[in-house]
Amino acid sequence: MTDPYQGSCLCGVVRFEIGEFLPEIAHCHCSMCRKFHGAAYATIAGVPRSKFRWTAGEQALKGYKAKNGTTRTFCSRCGSSLTFSSPRALESVMEIALGTLDGDVPVQPNAHIFVGSGANWAMPSDDLPQFEEGRGSAKVNK
């Protein structure tokens, strides 16, 4: 990878590099993302697994597999949420919590997903498309 983007957990034990981002970046409003990130939504970026690597602290990673089969990884020392994977996604793709990147990145969110299960106190107010569930589901009328 040339000039990879660096990321880390809050305590800095877990570190990673990303060599490429996929174009679909989203604010996910589902209840699991809200609880995992402790926020109104999680901003997640798709990356090719072949362009991602852990550079430190992989032994500190823990995973949580939800009833729906999704797996979320986090740092066992500081609790930072780091990655997300779904059994419905391509195996060649992983999703990373965009807030864990250490500097500027060349991508921006281009949709709100799972708005149908979003918190009523933090509904989107920007011009990005909103989807009831994932991309390809019914769009939410603003």
C-alpha atoms as a PDB file:
ATOM      1  CA  MET A   1       0.000   0.000   0.000  1.00  0.00           C
ATOM      2  CA  THR A   2       1.295   3.456  -0.798  1.00  0.00           C
ATOM      3  CA  ASP A   3       0.455   6.356   1.503  1.00  0.00           C
ATOM      4  CA  PRO A   4      -2.098   4.442   3.579  1.00  0.00           C
ATOM      5  CA  TYR A   5      -4.564   6.194   5.849  1.00  0.00           C
ATOM      6  CA  GLN A   6      -3.843   5.516   9.516  1.00  0.00           C
ATOM      7  CA  GLY A   7      -6.405   4.743  12.194  1.00  0.00           C
ATOM      8  CA  SER A   8      -6.470   3.703  15.829  1.00  0.00           C
ATOM      9  CA  CYS A   9      -8.585   3.112  18.890  1.00  0.00           C
ATOM     10  CA  LEU A  10      -8.910   5.697  21.650  1.00  0.00           C
ATOM     11  CA  CYS A  11      -6.020   4.354  23.734  1.00  0.00           C
ATOM     12  CA  GLY A  12      -3.795   3.785  20.682  1.00  0.00           C
ATOM     13  CA  VAL A  13      -3.111   0.102  21.357  1.00  0.00           C
ATOM     14  CA  VAL A  14      -4.964  -1.035  18.217  1.00  0.00           C
ATOM     15  CA  ARG A  15      -3.723   0.537  14.973  1.00  0.00           C
ATOM     16  CA  PHE A  16      -4.514  -0.076  11.320  1.00  0.00           C
ATOM     17  CA  GLU A  17      -3.897   1.120   7.782  1.00  0.00           C
ATOM     18  CA  ILE A  18      -6.299   1.560   4.889  1.00  0.00           C
ATOM     19  CA  GLY A  19      -5.058   1.818   1.313  1.00  0.00           C
ATOM     20  CA  GLU A  20      -8.402   2.453  -0.396  1.00  0.00           C
ATOM     21  CA  PHE A  21     -11.964   3.415   0.445  1.00  0.00           C
ATOM     22  CA  LEU A  22     -15.033   2.201  -1.399  1.00  0.00           C
ATOM     23  CA  PRO A  23     -17.438   4.925  -2.589  1.00  0.00           C
ATOM     24  CA  GLU A  24     -20.397   4.062  -0.360  1.00  0.00           C
ATOM     25  CA  ILE A  25     -20.002   5.772   3.007  1.00  0.00           C
ATOM     26  CA  ALA A  26     -23.066   6.015   5.248  1.00  0.00           C
ATOM     27  CA  HIS A  27     -24.456   7.274   8.505  1.00  0.00           C
ATOM     28  CA  CYS A  28     -26.172   4.176   9.941  1.00  0.00           C
ATOM     29  CA  HIS A  29     -29.073   4.896  12.301  1.00  0.00           C
ATOM     30  CA  CYS A  30     -29.924   1.278  13.242  1.00  0.00           C
ATOM     31  CA  SER A  31     -30.376   0.540  16.934  1.00  0.00           C
ATOM     32  CA  MET A  32     -27.306  -1.708  17.077  1.00  0.00           C
ATOM     33  CA  CYS A  33     -25.007   0.984  15.631  1.00  0.00           C
ATOM     34  CA  ARG A  34     -26.494   3.545  18.020  1.00  0.00           C
ATOM     35  CA  LYS A  35     -25.819   1.312  21.016  1.00  0.00           C
ATOM     36  CA  PHE A  36     -22.378   0.141  19.845  1.00  0.00           C
ATOM     37  CA  HIS A  37     -21.155   3.680  19.173  1.00  0.00           C
ATOM     38  CA  GLY A  38     -23.120   5.422  21.945  1.00  0.00           C
ATOM     39  CA  ALA A  39     -24.316   8.019  19.453  1.00  0.00           C
ATOM     40  CA  ALA A  40     -27.278   8.916  17.246  1.00  0.00           C
ATOM     41  CA  TYR A  41     -25.654   7.061  14.343  1.00  0.00           C
ATOM     42  CA  ALA A  42     -22.396   5.473  13.239  1.00  0.00           C
ATOM     43  CA  THR A  43     -20.524   6.686  10.172  1.00  0.00           C
ATOM     44  CA  ILE A  44     -19.143   3.634   8.419  1.00  0.00           C
ATOM     45  CA  ALA A  45     -16.881   3.321   5.410  1.00  0.00           C
ATOM     46  CA  GLY A  46     -16.436   0.288   3.225  1.00  0.00           C
ATOM     47  CA  VAL A  47     -12.877  -0.809   2.469  1.00  0.00           C
ATOM     48  CA  PRO A  48     -11.529  -3.743   0.457  1.00  0.00           C
ATOM     49  CA  ARG A  49     -10.090  -6.323   2.872  1.00  0.00           C
ATOM     50  CA  SER A  50      -7.065  -6.518   0.583  1.00  0.00           C
ATOM     51  CA  LYS A  51      -6.382  -2.809   1.260  1.00  0.00           C
ATOM     52  CA  PHE A  52      -6.728  -3.045   5.052  1.00  0.00           C
ATOM     53  CA  ARG A  53      -4.287  -4.318   7.658  1.00  0.00           C
ATOM     54  CA  TRP A  54      -3.896  -4.238  11.406  1.00  0.00           C
ATOM     55  CA  THR A  55      -0.489  -2.723  12.254  1.00  0.00           C
ATOM     56  CA  ALA A  56      -0.550  -3.057  16.063  1.00  0.00           C
ATOM     57  CA  GLY A  57      -2.639  -4.411  18.900  1.00  0.00           C
ATOM     58  CA  GLU A  58      -4.518  -7.121  17.060  1.00  0.00           C
ATOM     59  CA  GLN A  59      -4.341  -9.210  20.246  1.00  0.00           C
ATOM     60  CA  ALA A  60      -6.457  -6.528  22.009  1.00  0.00           C
ATOM     61  CA  LEU A  61      -9.340  -6.921  19.553  1.00  0.00           C
ATOM     62  CA  LYS A  62     -12.568  -8.487  20.738  1.00  0.00           C
ATOM     63  CA  GLY A  63     -15.652  -9.217  18.709  1.00  0.00           C
ATOM     64  CA  TYR A  64     -19.348  -9.220  19.401  1.00  0.00           C
ATOM     65  CA  LYS A  65     -21.576 -11.324  17.173  1.00  0.00           C
ATOM     66  CA  ALA A  66     -25.211 -10.189  17.285  1.00  0.00           C
ATOM     67  CA  LYS A  67     -28.266 -12.403  16.809  1.00  0.00           C
ATOM     68  CA  ASN A  68     -28.583 -11.197  13.212  1.00  0.00           C
ATOM     69  CA  GLY A  69     -25.079 -12.497  12.413  1.00  0.00           C
ATOM     70  CA  THR A  70     -23.287  -9.145  12.250  1.00  0.00           C
ATOM     71  CA  THR A  71     -19.925  -8.947  13.965  1.00  0.00           C
ATOM     72  CA  ARG A  72     -18.547  -5.779  15.514  1.00  0.00           C
ATOM     73  CA  THR A  73     -14.961  -5.534  16.682  1.00  0.00           C
ATOM     74  CA  PHE A  74     -13.665  -3.255  19.404  1.00  0.00           C
ATOM     75  CA  CYS A  75     -10.583  -2.617  21.495  1.00  0.00           C
ATOM     76  CA  SER A  76     -10.742  -4.653  24.700  1.00  0.00           C
ATOM     77  CA  ARG A  77      -8.772  -1.996  26.586  1.00  0.00           C
ATOM     78  CA  CYS A  78     -10.596   1.254  25.752  1.00  0.00           C
ATOM     79  CA  GLY A  79     -13.807  -0.039  24.141  1.00  0.00           C
ATOM     80  CA  SER A  80     -13.446   1.860  20.859  1.00  0.00           C
ATOM     81  CA  SER A  81     -15.695   0.440  18.154  1.00  0.00           C
ATOM     82  CA  LEU A  82     -13.600  -0.309  15.099  1.00  0.00           C
ATOM     83  CA  THR A  83     -15.087  -2.589  12.436  1.00  0.00           C
ATOM     84  CA  PHE A  84     -18.365  -4.085  11.330  1.00  0.00           C
ATOM     85  CA  SER A  85     -19.077  -7.075   9.107  1.00  0.00           C
ATOM     86  CA  SER A  86     -22.325  -8.605   7.949  1.00  0.00           C
ATOM     87  CA  PRO A  87     -22.944 -12.133   6.683  1.00  0.00           C
ATOM     88  CA  ARG A  88     -24.893 -10.507   3.810  1.00  0.00           C
ATOM     89  CA  ALA A  89     -21.912  -8.428   2.645  1.00  0.00           C
ATOM     90  CA  LEU A  90     -19.239  -9.470   0.189  1.00  0.00           C
ATOM     91  CA  GLU A  91     -16.441 -11.272   2.002  1.00  0.00           C
ATOM     92  CA  SER A  92     -13.928  -9.071   0.210  1.00  0.00           C
ATOM     93  CA  VAL A  93     -15.327  -5.949   1.935  1.00  0.00           C
ATOM     94  CA  MET A  94     -15.204  -4.786   5.531  1.00  0.00           C
ATOM     95  CA  GLU A  95     -16.597  -1.675   7.146  1.00  0.00           C
ATOM     96  CA  ILE A  96     -14.667   0.602   9.446  1.00  0.00           C
ATOM     97  CA  ALA A  97     -15.911   3.248  11.872  1.00  0.00           C
ATOM     98  CA  LEU A  98     -14.828   6.383  10.015  1.00  0.00           C
ATOM     99  CA  GLY A  99     -14.313   8.268  13.296  1.00  0.00           C
ATOM    100  CA  THR A 100     -11.347   6.024  14.126  1.00  0.00           C
ATOM    101  CA  LEU A 101      -9.191   7.471  11.331  1.00  0.00           C
ATOM    102  CA  ASP A 102      -6.342   9.625  12.628  1.00  0.00           C
ATOM    103  CA  GLY A 103      -6.474  12.339   9.973  1.00  0.00           C
ATOM    104  CA  ASP A 104      -8.388  13.632   7.002  1.00  0.00           C
ATOM    105  CA  VAL A 105      -9.747  11.139   4.492  1.00  0.00           C
ATOM    106  CA  PRO A 106     -10.757  11.574   0.828  1.00  0.00           C
ATOM    107  CA  VAL A 107     -14.351  10.410   1.337  1.00  0.00           C
ATOM    108  CA  GLN A 108     -17.571  11.783   2.788  1.00  0.00           C
ATOM    109  CA  PRO A 109     -20.846  10.122   3.725  1.00  0.00           C
ATOM    110  CA  ASN A 110     -23.321   9.979   0.856  1.00  0.00           C
ATOM    111  CA  ALA A 111     -26.410   8.479   2.545  1.00  0.00           C
ATOM    112  CA  HIS A 112     -28.293   7.862   5.774  1.00  0.00           C
ATOM    113  CA  ILE A 113     -29.320   4.215   6.198  1.00  0.00           C
ATOM    114  CA  PHE A 114     -31.742   2.498   8.581  1.00  0.00           C
ATOM    115  CA  VAL A 115     -33.433   5.839   9.252  1.00  0.00           C
ATOM    116  CA  GLY A 116     -36.649   3.900   9.941  1.00  0.00           C
ATOM    117  CA  SER A 117     -35.167   2.686  13.216  1.00  0.00           C
ATOM    118  CA  GLY A 118     -33.332   5.910  14.030  1.00  0.00           C
ATOM    119  CA  ALA A 119     -33.619   7.896  17.236  1.00  0.00           C
ATOM    120  CA  ASN A 120     -36.507  10.370  17.143  1.00  0.00           C
ATOM    121  CA  TRP A 121     -34.288  12.980  18.787  1.00  0.00           C
ATOM    122  CA  ALA A 122     -31.660  12.968  16.014  1.00  0.00           C
ATOM    123  CA  MET A 123     -33.284  12.646  12.616  1.00  0.00           C
ATOM    124  CA  PRO A 124     -31.145  13.712   9.617  1.00  0.00           C
ATOM    125  CA  SER A 125     -31.546  17.290   8.480  1.00  0.00           C
ATOM    126  CA  ASP A 126     -29.014  17.427   5.635  1.00  0.00           C
ATOM    127  CA  ASP A 127     -29.596  16.792   1.927  1.00  0.00           C
ATOM    128  CA  LEU A 128     -28.151  13.270   1.778  1.00  0.00           C
ATOM    129  CA  PRO A 129     -30.540  10.533   0.599  1.00  0.00           C
ATOM    130  CA  GLN A 130     -32.250   8.677   3.420  1.00  0.00           C
ATOM    131  CA  PHE A 131     -33.218   5.016   3.284  1.00  0.00           C
ATOM    132  CA  GLU A 132     -35.746   3.244   5.496  1.00  0.00           C
ATOM    133  CA  GLU A 133     -33.292   0.345   5.817  1.00  0.00           C
ATOM    134  CA  GLY A 134     -30.164  -0.334   3.753  1.00  0.00           C
ATOM    135  CA  ARG A 135     -29.356   1.201   0.390  1.00  0.00           C
ATOM    136  CA  GLY A 136     -31.843  -0.039  -2.135  1.00  0.00           C
ATOM    137  CA  SER A 137     -34.728  -0.027   0.367  1.00  0.00           C
ATOM    138  CA  ALA A 138     -37.493   2.553   0.296  1.00  0.00           C
ATOM    139  CA  LYS A 139     -36.305   6.137   0.433  1.00  0.00           C
ATOM    140  CA  VAL A 140     -37.592   8.252   3.287  1.00  0.00           C
ATOM    141  CA  ASN A 141     -39.504  11.364   2.249  1.00  0.00           C
ATOM    142  CA  LYS A 142     -38.131  14.496   3.858  1.00  0.00           C
END
